[in-house]
Amino acid sequence: MMINFIIVLAIVAIGACLGNILMSVEQRVSQARQRVRGVRSNLDKLDATIHRLHREEETLHAEIEELTREMVELRRKQVEVQQRVTEAQSKRRPQILILTDRRNPGDKEWLVTVVNQQIGEIDAAHPLAVEWARGRQYLVWAESDREAGERANRRFSARPGYQVKSVTAVKDDLYSASPAQSAA
């Protein structure tokens, strides 16, 4: 009987030990399930974020494509406008400036072309560089072409680079409206 008692006691002790082990395993399984649920929740959130970011990426790609098309269109329009400006500038009647309004009764009208290449050499982007390289025309009243050139030289000699390119007698009527001006 004693043996029976010891066997029962051993069985109860083993059962208690197994119960403790089972409770410990259940607690660990429960914690693992909670961690799995947390990880799944985080995965769902990350998946939702990834899908949202993909939608935003597609939207941004569409916006970039639209902006690129607009930019290409605007550049095309810019080229057209620049061509029209260039055409208009090439059609523009040359401007004639008056060197001085002093004149004598016997003076004739002369067109004196003054150039300055140094402006373009110093600053090619200067707005008047091309105009000065081609030459600016000045209306000068003088008795002869030599005197007209001397007047222009006196006016511009204080500044370096200015030269009289040509002196020609005025043949046309400068005071009548040009066809482009009368149409406007």
N, C-alpha and C. Protein backbone atom coordinates (compact mmCIF):
# COMPACT_ATOMS: atom_id res chain seq x y z
N MET A 1 0.77 -1.15 0.00
CA MET A 1 0.00 0.00 0.00
C MET A 1 0.85 1.26 0.00
N MET A 2 1.85 1.09 0.58
CA MET A 2 2.78 2.18 0.61
C MET A 2 3.27 2.47 -0.80
N ILE A 3 3.47 1.43 -1.51
CA ILE A 3 3.94 1.60 -2.87
C ILE A 3 2.85 2.28 -3.68
N ASN A 4 1.65 1.89 -3.42
CA ASN A 4 0.54 2.52 -4.15
C ASN A 4 0.48 4.01 -3.81
N PHE A 5 0.69 4.25 -2.54
CA PHE A 5 0.64 5.64 -2.12
C PHE A 5 1.77 6.42 -2.79
N ILE A 6 2.95 5.85 -2.85
CA ILE A 6 4.09 6.52 -3.46
C ILE A 6 3.83 6.68 -4.96
N ILE A 7 3.24 5.68 -5.57
CA ILE A 7 2.95 5.77 -7.00
C ILE A 7 1.94 6.88 -7.23
N VAL A 8 0.92 6.94 -6.43
CA VAL A 8 -0.11 7.98 -6.57
C VAL A 8 0.54 9.34 -6.33
N LEU A 9 1.38 9.39 -5.34
CA LEU A 9 2.04 10.65 -5.03
C LEU A 9 2.95 11.06 -6.20
N ALA A 10 3.64 10.12 -6.78
CA ALA A 10 4.50 10.41 -7.92
C ALA A 10 3.66 10.86 -9.11
N ILE A 11 2.52 10.19 -9.29
CA ILE A 11 1.64 10.56 -10.40
C ILE A 11 1.13 11.99 -10.19
N VAL A 12 0.74 12.31 -8.96
CA VAL A 12 0.22 13.66 -8.66
C VAL A 12 1.35 14.67 -8.86
N ALA A 13 2.56 14.34 -8.42
CA ALA A 13 3.69 15.26 -8.56
C ALA A 13 4.02 15.47 -10.05
N ILE A 14 4.02 14.39 -10.81
CA ILE A 14 4.27 14.50 -12.26
C ILE A 14 3.16 15.30 -12.90
N GLY A 15 1.90 15.06 -12.47
CA GLY A 15 0.76 15.80 -13.02
C GLY A 15 0.88 17.28 -12.71
N ALA A 16 1.29 17.62 -11.49
CA ALA A 16 1.44 19.02 -11.10
C ALA A 16 2.55 19.67 -11.92
N CYS A 17 3.64 18.92 -12.07
CA CYS A 17 4.76 19.44 -12.85
C CYS A 17 4.34 19.64 -14.30
N LEU A 18 3.64 18.64 -14.83
CA LEU A 18 3.16 18.77 -16.22
C LEU A 18 2.14 19.90 -16.33
N GLY A 19 1.33 20.11 -15.32
CA GLY A 19 0.36 21.22 -15.32
C GLY A 19 1.07 22.56 -15.36
N ASN A 20 2.12 22.67 -14.54
CA ASN A 20 2.91 23.92 -14.54
C ASN A 20 3.55 24.16 -15.91
N ILE A 21 4.12 23.08 -16.45
CA ILE A 21 4.75 23.19 -17.78
C ILE A 21 3.71 23.59 -18.81
N LEU A 22 2.52 22.96 -18.74
CA LEU A 22 1.43 23.26 -19.67
C LEU A 22 0.98 24.71 -19.53
N MET A 23 0.86 25.20 -18.32
CA MET A 23 0.45 26.60 -18.10
C MET A 23 1.53 27.55 -18.65
N SER A 24 2.78 27.21 -18.43
CA SER A 24 3.88 28.03 -18.94
C SER A 24 3.87 28.04 -20.47
N VAL A 25 3.64 26.88 -21.07
CA VAL A 25 3.58 26.78 -22.54
C VAL A 25 2.39 27.58 -23.05
N GLU A 26 1.23 27.46 -22.38
CA GLU A 26 0.04 28.21 -22.81
C GLU A 26 0.30 29.71 -22.72
N GLN A 27 0.98 30.14 -21.65
CA GLN A 27 1.29 31.56 -21.50
C GLN A 27 2.21 32.02 -22.64
N ARG A 28 3.21 31.23 -22.96
CA ARG A 28 4.13 31.57 -24.05
C ARG A 28 3.41 31.57 -25.39
N VAL A 29 2.52 30.59 -25.60
CA VAL A 29 1.74 30.53 -26.85
C VAL A 29 0.86 31.77 -26.95
N SER A 30 0.23 32.15 -25.84
CA SER A 30 -0.63 33.33 -25.82
C SER A 30 0.19 34.59 -26.16
N GLN A 31 1.38 34.71 -25.57
CA GLN A 31 2.25 35.86 -25.88
C GLN A 31 2.68 35.83 -27.35
N ALA A 32 2.98 34.65 -27.86
CA ALA A 32 3.39 34.52 -29.26
C ALA A 32 2.24 34.91 -30.18
N ARG A 33 1.01 34.48 -29.81
CA ARG A 33 -0.17 34.85 -30.62
C ARG A 33 -0.37 36.35 -30.61
N GLN A 34 -0.18 36.98 -29.44
CA GLN A 34 -0.33 38.44 -29.38
C GLN A 34 0.73 39.12 -30.25
N ARG A 35 1.97 38.62 -30.19
CA ARG A 35 3.03 39.19 -31.04
C ARG A 35 2.70 38.99 -32.51
N VAL A 36 2.17 37.82 -32.86
CA VAL A 36 1.80 37.54 -34.25
C VAL A 36 0.70 38.51 -34.68
N ARG A 37 -0.31 38.71 -33.80
CA ARG A 37 -1.38 39.67 -34.14
C ARG A 37 -0.81 41.08 -34.32
N GLY A 38 0.13 41.47 -33.44
CA GLY A 38 0.76 42.78 -33.56
C GLY A 38 1.54 42.92 -34.86
N VAL A 39 2.29 41.87 -35.19
CA VAL A 39 3.07 41.88 -36.43
C VAL A 39 2.14 41.92 -37.64
N ARG A 40 1.06 41.15 -37.60
CA ARG A 40 0.09 41.16 -38.71
C ARG A 40 -0.54 42.54 -38.84
N SER A 41 -0.84 43.15 -37.70
CA SER A 41 -1.41 44.51 -37.73
C SER A 41 -0.40 45.47 -38.36
N ASN A 42 0.85 45.38 -37.94
CA ASN A 42 1.90 46.23 -38.53
C ASN A 42 2.06 45.94 -40.02
N LEU A 43 2.02 44.66 -40.40
CA LEU A 43 2.11 44.31 -41.82
C LEU A 43 0.95 44.89 -42.61
N ASP A 44 -0.25 44.82 -42.05
CA ASP A 44 -1.41 45.41 -42.72
C ASP A 44 -1.23 46.92 -42.89
N LYS A 45 -0.74 47.56 -41.83
CA LYS A 45 -0.51 49.01 -41.92
C LYS A 45 0.55 49.33 -42.97
N LEU A 46 1.64 48.54 -42.95
CA LEU A 46 2.70 48.75 -43.95
C LEU A 46 2.19 48.49 -45.36
N ASP A 47 1.38 47.47 -45.52
CA ASP A 47 0.82 47.16 -46.84
C ASP A 47 -0.07 48.30 -47.32
N ALA A 48 -0.90 48.82 -46.40
CA ALA A 48 -1.76 49.96 -46.75
C ALA A 48 -0.90 51.18 -47.12
N THR A 49 0.17 51.40 -46.37
CA THR A 49 1.06 52.52 -46.67
C THR A 49 1.74 52.34 -48.02
N ILE A 50 2.17 51.10 -48.30
CA ILE A 50 2.81 50.82 -49.59
C ILE A 50 1.83 51.08 -50.73
N HIS A 51 0.59 50.62 -50.58
CA HIS A 51 -0.42 50.85 -51.63
C HIS A 51 -0.68 52.36 -51.79
N ARG A 52 -0.75 53.10 -50.69
CA ARG A 52 -0.97 54.55 -50.76
C ARG A 52 0.21 55.22 -51.46
N LEU A 53 1.43 54.80 -51.11
CA LEU A 53 2.61 55.38 -51.75
C LEU A 53 2.67 55.06 -53.24
N HIS A 54 2.23 53.84 -53.62
CA HIS A 54 2.18 53.50 -55.05
C HIS A 54 1.18 54.40 -55.78
N ARG A 55 0.03 54.64 -55.16
CA ARG A 55 -0.96 55.54 -55.78
C ARG A 55 -0.39 56.95 -55.91
N GLU A 56 0.28 57.42 -54.85
CA GLU A 56 0.88 58.76 -54.90
C GLU A 56 1.97 58.81 -55.97
N GLU A 57 2.75 57.72 -56.08
CA GLU A 57 3.80 57.68 -57.10
C GLU A 57 3.20 57.76 -58.50
N GLU A 58 2.12 57.02 -58.73
CA GLU A 58 1.45 57.07 -60.03
C GLU A 58 0.91 58.46 -60.31
N THR A 59 0.34 59.09 -59.28
CA THR A 59 -0.18 60.45 -59.44
C THR A 59 0.95 61.41 -59.77
N LEU A 60 2.07 61.28 -59.06
CA LEU A 60 3.21 62.15 -59.32
C LEU A 60 3.78 61.92 -60.72
N HIS A 61 3.84 60.66 -61.16
CA HIS A 61 4.31 60.39 -62.53
C HIS A 61 3.38 61.05 -63.55
N ALA A 62 2.08 60.97 -63.31
CA ALA A 62 1.14 61.61 -64.22
C ALA A 62 1.34 63.13 -64.23
N GLU A 63 1.55 63.72 -63.05
CA GLU A 63 1.78 65.17 -62.97
C GLU A 63 3.08 65.55 -63.68
N ILE A 64 4.12 64.73 -63.48
CA ILE A 64 5.41 65.00 -64.14
C ILE A 64 5.25 64.94 -65.65
N GLU A 65 4.53 63.94 -66.15
CA GLU A 65 4.31 63.84 -67.59
C GLU A 65 3.54 65.05 -68.11
N GLU A 66 2.52 65.47 -67.37
CA GLU A 66 1.73 66.63 -67.78
C GLU A 66 2.60 67.89 -67.77
N LEU A 67 3.39 68.07 -66.72
CA LEU A 67 4.27 69.24 -66.65
C LEU A 67 5.32 69.20 -67.76
N THR A 68 5.81 68.02 -68.08
CA THR A 68 6.79 67.90 -69.17
C THR A 68 6.15 68.29 -70.50
N ARG A 69 4.92 67.82 -70.72
CA ARG A 69 4.22 68.20 -71.96
C ARG A 69 4.00 69.71 -72.00
N GLU A 70 3.59 70.29 -70.87
CA GLU A 70 3.38 71.74 -70.82
C GLU A 70 4.69 72.48 -71.08
N MET A 71 5.79 71.99 -70.49
CA MET A 71 7.08 72.63 -70.67
C MET A 71 7.52 72.56 -72.13
N VAL A 72 7.32 71.41 -72.76
CA VAL A 72 7.68 71.28 -74.18
C VAL A 72 6.83 72.24 -75.02
N GLU A 73 5.55 72.32 -74.71
CA GLU A 73 4.67 73.23 -75.44
C GLU A 73 5.09 74.68 -75.24
N LEU A 74 5.42 75.04 -73.99
CA LEU A 74 5.85 76.41 -73.72
C LEU A 74 7.18 76.73 -74.39
N ARG A 75 8.09 75.75 -74.43
CA ARG A 75 9.36 75.98 -75.13
C ARG A 75 9.13 76.15 -76.62
N ARG A 76 8.20 75.38 -77.17
CA ARG A 76 7.88 75.52 -78.59
C ARG A 76 7.32 76.92 -78.86
N LYS A 77 6.42 77.36 -77.98
CA LYS A 77 5.87 78.71 -78.13
C LYS A 77 6.95 79.77 -77.96
N GLN A 78 7.89 79.54 -77.03
CA GLN A 78 8.98 80.48 -76.82
C GLN A 78 9.83 80.60 -78.09
N VAL A 79 10.11 79.45 -78.72
CA VAL A 79 10.89 79.47 -79.96
C VAL A 79 10.14 80.24 -81.04
N GLU A 80 8.82 80.01 -81.13
CA GLU A 80 8.03 80.74 -82.12
C GLU A 80 8.07 82.24 -81.86
N VAL A 81 7.92 82.62 -80.60
CA VAL A 81 7.93 84.05 -80.25
C VAL A 81 9.30 84.64 -80.54
N GLN A 82 10.37 83.90 -80.20
CA GLN A 82 11.72 84.40 -80.49
C GLN A 82 11.94 84.57 -81.99
N GLN A 83 11.40 83.63 -82.79
CA GLN A 83 11.52 83.76 -84.24
C GLN A 83 10.77 84.98 -84.73
N ARG A 84 9.55 85.19 -84.18
CA ARG A 84 8.78 86.38 -84.59
C ARG A 84 9.49 87.66 -84.19
N VAL A 85 10.09 87.67 -83.00
CA VAL A 85 10.83 88.86 -82.56
C VAL A 85 12.02 89.10 -83.46
N THR A 86 12.74 88.02 -83.79
CA THR A 86 13.89 88.15 -84.68
C THR A 86 13.46 88.68 -86.05
N GLU A 87 12.36 88.13 -86.56
CA GLU A 87 11.85 88.62 -87.85
C GLU A 87 11.44 90.08 -87.76
N ALA A 88 10.76 90.43 -86.68
CA ALA A 88 10.33 91.82 -86.51
C ALA A 88 11.53 92.75 -86.39
N GLN A 89 12.56 92.31 -85.67
CA GLN A 89 13.75 93.15 -85.53
C GLN A 89 14.48 93.30 -86.86
N SER A 90 14.49 92.23 -87.66
CA SER A 90 15.17 92.34 -88.95
C SER A 90 14.38 93.22 -89.92
N LYS A 91 13.06 93.29 -89.76
CA LYS A 91 12.24 94.13 -90.62
C LYS A 91 12.20 95.58 -90.15
N ARG A 92 12.64 95.80 -88.93
CA ARG A 92 12.57 97.14 -88.35
C ARG A 92 13.40 98.13 -89.16
N ARG A 93 12.82 99.26 -89.40
CA ARG A 93 13.51 100.32 -90.13
C ARG A 93 14.67 100.82 -89.27
N PRO A 94 15.83 101.01 -89.85
CA PRO A 94 16.96 101.49 -89.06
C PRO A 94 16.63 102.84 -88.43
N GLN A 95 17.02 102.96 -87.18
CA GLN A 95 16.76 104.19 -86.45
C GLN A 95 17.82 105.21 -86.80
N ILE A 96 17.37 106.42 -87.09
CA ILE A 96 18.29 107.51 -87.40
C ILE A 96 18.24 108.49 -86.24
N LEU A 97 19.39 108.71 -85.64
CA LEU A 97 19.50 109.62 -84.51
C LEU A 97 20.05 110.95 -84.99
N ILE A 98 19.72 112.00 -84.28
CA ILE A 98 20.21 113.33 -84.64
C ILE A 98 21.42 113.63 -83.77
N LEU A 99 22.53 113.89 -84.41
CA LEU A 99 23.76 114.16 -83.67
C LEU A 99 23.65 115.49 -82.92
N THR A 100 23.22 116.51 -83.62
CA THR A 100 23.01 117.82 -83.00
C THR A 100 21.97 118.56 -83.82
N ASP A 101 21.27 119.46 -83.17
CA ASP A 101 20.25 120.21 -83.91
C ASP A 101 20.79 121.54 -84.42
N ARG A 102 22.08 121.81 -84.23
CA ARG A 102 22.68 123.05 -84.76
C ARG A 102 22.94 122.89 -86.25
N ARG A 103 22.52 123.89 -87.00
CA ARG A 103 22.76 123.84 -88.44
C ARG A 103 22.84 125.25 -89.00
N ASN A 104 23.56 125.35 -90.07
CA ASN A 104 23.71 126.63 -90.78
C ASN A 104 22.82 126.60 -92.01
N PRO A 105 22.46 127.76 -92.54
CA PRO A 105 21.55 127.78 -93.70
C PRO A 105 22.08 127.02 -94.91
N GLY A 106 23.37 126.94 -95.15
CA GLY A 106 23.90 126.26 -96.33
C GLY A 106 24.25 124.79 -96.09
N ASP A 107 23.95 124.25 -94.90
CA ASP A 107 24.31 122.86 -94.59
C ASP A 107 23.42 121.87 -95.32
N LYS A 108 24.01 120.72 -95.62
CA LYS A 108 23.27 119.61 -96.23
C LYS A 108 23.11 118.51 -95.18
N GLU A 109 22.21 117.59 -95.47
CA GLU A 109 21.97 116.47 -94.55
C GLU A 109 22.89 115.31 -94.93
N TRP A 110 23.56 114.74 -93.90
CA TRP A 110 24.46 113.62 -94.08
C TRP A 110 24.10 112.52 -93.09
N LEU A 111 24.21 111.27 -93.54
CA LEU A 111 24.05 110.13 -92.63
C LEU A 111 25.44 109.61 -92.29
N VAL A 112 25.77 109.71 -91.00
CA VAL A 112 27.07 109.27 -90.52
C VAL A 112 26.85 107.99 -89.71
N THR A 113 27.55 106.92 -90.11
CA THR A 113 27.44 105.65 -89.39
C THR A 113 28.62 105.54 -88.44
N VAL A 114 28.30 105.39 -87.13
CA VAL A 114 29.31 105.29 -86.08
C VAL A 114 29.25 103.87 -85.52
N VAL A 115 30.42 103.22 -85.39
CA VAL A 115 30.47 101.85 -84.86
C VAL A 115 31.35 101.81 -83.62
N ASN A 116 31.12 100.76 -82.82
CA ASN A 116 31.99 100.50 -81.66
C ASN A 116 32.01 98.99 -81.45
N GLN A 117 33.09 98.35 -81.85
CA GLN A 117 33.23 96.91 -81.71
C GLN A 117 33.57 96.51 -80.27
N GLN A 118 34.10 97.43 -79.49
CA GLN A 118 34.56 97.11 -78.14
C GLN A 118 33.42 96.76 -77.20
N ILE A 119 32.25 97.30 -77.42
CA ILE A 119 31.11 96.99 -76.53
C ILE A 119 30.83 95.50 -76.59
N GLY A 120 30.77 94.93 -77.79
CA GLY A 120 30.54 93.49 -77.93
C GLY A 120 31.69 92.65 -77.43
N GLU A 121 32.91 93.16 -77.54
CA GLU A 121 34.07 92.41 -77.05
C GLU A 121 34.10 92.39 -75.52
N ILE A 122 33.67 93.47 -74.90
CA ILE A 122 33.68 93.55 -73.44
C ILE A 122 32.49 92.80 -72.86
N ASP A 123 31.30 93.03 -73.43
CA ASP A 123 30.08 92.39 -72.90
C ASP A 123 29.19 92.03 -74.07
N ALA A 124 29.30 90.77 -74.54
CA ALA A 124 28.52 90.33 -75.70
C ALA A 124 27.03 90.31 -75.40
N ALA A 125 26.66 90.22 -74.13
CA ALA A 125 25.24 90.17 -73.77
C ALA A 125 24.63 91.56 -73.63
N HIS A 126 25.44 92.59 -73.79
CA HIS A 126 24.92 93.97 -73.67
C HIS A 126 23.84 94.17 -74.72
N PRO A 127 22.71 94.79 -74.34
CA PRO A 127 21.60 94.92 -75.29
C PRO A 127 21.92 95.74 -76.54
N LEU A 128 22.91 96.61 -76.46
CA LEU A 128 23.24 97.44 -77.63
C LEU A 128 24.49 96.97 -78.36
N ALA A 129 25.07 95.84 -77.94
CA ALA A 129 26.33 95.37 -78.53
C ALA A 129 26.20 95.11 -80.02
N VAL A 130 25.13 94.43 -80.41
CA VAL A 130 24.95 94.11 -81.84
C VAL A 130 24.68 95.38 -82.64
N GLU A 131 23.86 96.25 -82.07
CA GLU A 131 23.53 97.50 -82.77
C GLU A 131 24.77 98.35 -83.00
N TRP A 132 25.63 98.45 -81.99
CA TRP A 132 26.86 99.23 -82.14
C TRP A 132 27.85 98.55 -83.08
N ALA A 133 27.84 97.22 -83.10
CA ALA A 133 28.74 96.51 -84.02
C ALA A 133 28.34 96.76 -85.47
N ARG A 134 27.01 96.77 -85.72
CA ARG A 134 26.52 97.07 -87.07
C ARG A 134 26.72 98.55 -87.41
N GLY A 135 26.55 99.36 -86.41
CA GLY A 135 26.68 100.80 -86.60
C GLY A 135 25.36 101.51 -86.38
N ARG A 136 25.45 102.66 -85.74
CA ARG A 136 24.28 103.51 -85.54
C ARG A 136 24.37 104.68 -86.51
N GLN A 137 23.23 105.04 -87.07
CA GLN A 137 23.21 106.12 -88.05
C GLN A 137 22.78 107.42 -87.37
N TYR A 138 23.55 108.47 -87.65
CA TYR A 138 23.26 109.79 -87.10
C TYR A 138 23.04 110.76 -88.25
N LEU A 139 22.04 111.59 -88.08
CA LEU A 139 21.78 112.66 -89.04
C LEU A 139 22.63 113.86 -88.62
N VAL A 140 23.46 114.32 -89.57
CA VAL A 140 24.37 115.44 -89.28
C VAL A 140 24.18 116.49 -90.36
N TRP A 141 24.06 117.76 -89.95
CA TRP A 141 24.00 118.86 -90.90
C TRP A 141 25.40 119.46 -91.01
N ALA A 142 25.92 119.48 -92.22
CA ALA A 142 27.26 120.04 -92.47
C ALA A 142 27.37 120.43 -93.93
N GLU A 143 28.43 121.21 -94.25
CA GLU A 143 28.62 121.65 -95.62
C GLU A 143 29.18 120.53 -96.49
N SER A 144 30.00 119.64 -95.90
CA SER A 144 30.61 118.57 -96.70
C SER A 144 30.63 117.28 -95.89
N ASP A 145 30.92 116.18 -96.60
CA ASP A 145 31.00 114.89 -95.90
C ASP A 145 32.16 114.86 -94.93
N ARG A 146 33.26 115.53 -95.27
CA ARG A 146 34.41 115.59 -94.38
C ARG A 146 34.04 116.30 -93.08
N GLU A 147 33.34 117.42 -93.18
CA GLU A 147 32.93 118.17 -91.99
C GLU A 147 31.93 117.35 -91.16
N ALA A 148 31.03 116.60 -91.80
CA ALA A 148 30.08 115.76 -91.08
C ALA A 148 30.81 114.68 -90.29
N GLY A 149 31.83 114.07 -90.93
CA GLY A 149 32.62 113.06 -90.23
C GLY A 149 33.39 113.65 -89.05
N GLU A 150 33.92 114.87 -89.25
CA GLU A 150 34.66 115.52 -88.16
C GLU A 150 33.73 115.83 -86.99
N ARG A 151 32.51 116.25 -87.26
CA ARG A 151 31.56 116.53 -86.17
C ARG A 151 31.27 115.26 -85.37
N ALA A 152 31.07 114.17 -86.06
CA ALA A 152 30.81 112.90 -85.36
C ALA A 152 32.05 112.47 -84.57
N ASN A 153 33.22 112.64 -85.15
CA ASN A 153 34.45 112.30 -84.43
C ASN A 153 34.61 113.13 -83.16
N ARG A 154 34.32 114.42 -83.26
CA ARG A 154 34.41 115.28 -82.07
C ARG A 154 33.44 114.81 -80.99
N ARG A 155 32.27 114.38 -81.40
CA ARG A 155 31.24 113.96 -80.43
C ARG A 155 31.64 112.67 -79.71
N PHE A 156 32.25 111.73 -80.44
CA PHE A 156 32.54 110.41 -79.86
C PHE A 156 34.01 110.18 -79.53
N SER A 157 34.90 111.11 -79.83
CA SER A 157 36.33 110.86 -79.64
C SER A 157 36.72 110.74 -78.18
N ALA A 158 35.94 111.27 -77.26
CA ALA A 158 36.30 111.20 -75.83
C ALA A 158 36.16 109.78 -75.28
N ARG A 159 35.41 108.95 -75.98
CA ARG A 159 35.20 107.57 -75.50
C ARG A 159 35.93 106.60 -76.43
N PRO A 160 36.64 105.62 -75.87
CA PRO A 160 37.41 104.70 -76.72
C PRO A 160 36.51 103.74 -77.50
N GLY A 161 36.97 103.39 -78.70
CA GLY A 161 36.30 102.37 -79.49
C GLY A 161 35.34 102.90 -80.53
N TYR A 162 34.91 104.13 -80.42
CA TYR A 162 33.95 104.69 -81.38
C TYR A 162 34.70 105.17 -82.62
N GLN A 163 34.16 104.80 -83.81
CA GLN A 163 34.78 105.18 -85.07
C GLN A 163 33.69 105.53 -86.07
N VAL A 164 33.99 106.48 -86.94
CA VAL A 164 33.08 106.81 -88.02
C VAL A 164 33.32 105.79 -89.13
N LYS A 165 32.28 105.04 -89.45
CA LYS A 165 32.40 103.99 -90.46
C LYS A 165 32.17 104.55 -91.86
N SER A 166 31.12 105.37 -91.99
CA SER A 166 30.83 105.92 -93.32
C SER A 166 30.06 107.22 -93.19
N VAL A 167 30.16 108.03 -94.26
CA VAL A 167 29.40 109.29 -94.35
C VAL A 167 28.78 109.29 -95.74
N THR A 168 27.44 109.37 -95.79
CA THR A 168 26.74 109.40 -97.08
C THR A 168 25.74 110.55 -97.08
N ALA A 169 25.52 111.08 -98.27
CA ALA A 169 24.55 112.16 -98.41
C ALA A 169 23.15 111.58 -98.32
N VAL A 170 22.23 112.31 -97.73
CA VAL A 170 20.85 111.87 -97.62
C VAL A 170 20.19 112.09 -98.98
N LYS A 171 19.63 110.99 -99.54
CA LYS A 171 19.00 111.07 -100.85
C LYS A 171 17.50 111.00 -100.74
N ASP A 172 16.99 110.30 -99.73
CA ASP A 172 15.55 110.14 -99.56
C ASP A 172 15.03 111.21 -98.62
N ASP A 173 13.69 111.37 -98.65
CA ASP A 173 13.04 112.29 -97.74
C ASP A 173 12.90 111.59 -96.38
N LEU A 174 13.66 112.03 -95.39
CA LEU A 174 13.64 111.41 -94.07
C LEU A 174 12.41 111.76 -93.26
N TYR A 175 11.69 112.77 -93.68
CA TYR A 175 10.60 113.28 -92.86
C TYR A 175 9.24 112.72 -93.21
N SER A 176 9.16 111.96 -94.28
CA SER A 176 7.87 111.35 -94.63
C SER A 176 7.71 110.05 -93.85
N ALA A 177 6.47 109.66 -93.63
CA ALA A 177 6.20 108.42 -92.88
C ALA A 177 6.53 107.23 -93.77
N SER A 178 7.15 106.23 -93.17
CA SER A 178 7.46 105.02 -93.93
C SER A 178 6.19 104.20 -94.11
N PRO A 179 6.13 103.25 -95.05
CA PRO A 179 4.93 102.45 -95.26
C PRO A 179 4.53 101.68 -94.01
N ALA A 180 5.50 101.22 -93.23
CA ALA A 180 5.17 100.47 -92.02
C ALA A 180 4.54 101.37 -90.99
N GLN A 181 4.99 102.64 -90.90
CA GLN A 181 4.44 103.56 -89.93
C GLN A 181 3.05 104.04 -90.33
N SER A 182 2.83 104.26 -91.66
CA SER A 182 1.52 104.74 -92.09
C SER A 182 0.46 103.66 -91.97
N ALA A 183 0.86 102.36 -92.05
CA ALA A 183 -0.11 101.28 -91.92
C ALA A 183 -0.52 101.10 -90.47
N ALA A 184 0.33 101.50 -89.55
CA ALA A 184 0.04 101.33 -88.12
C ALA A 184 -0.88 102.36 -87.65
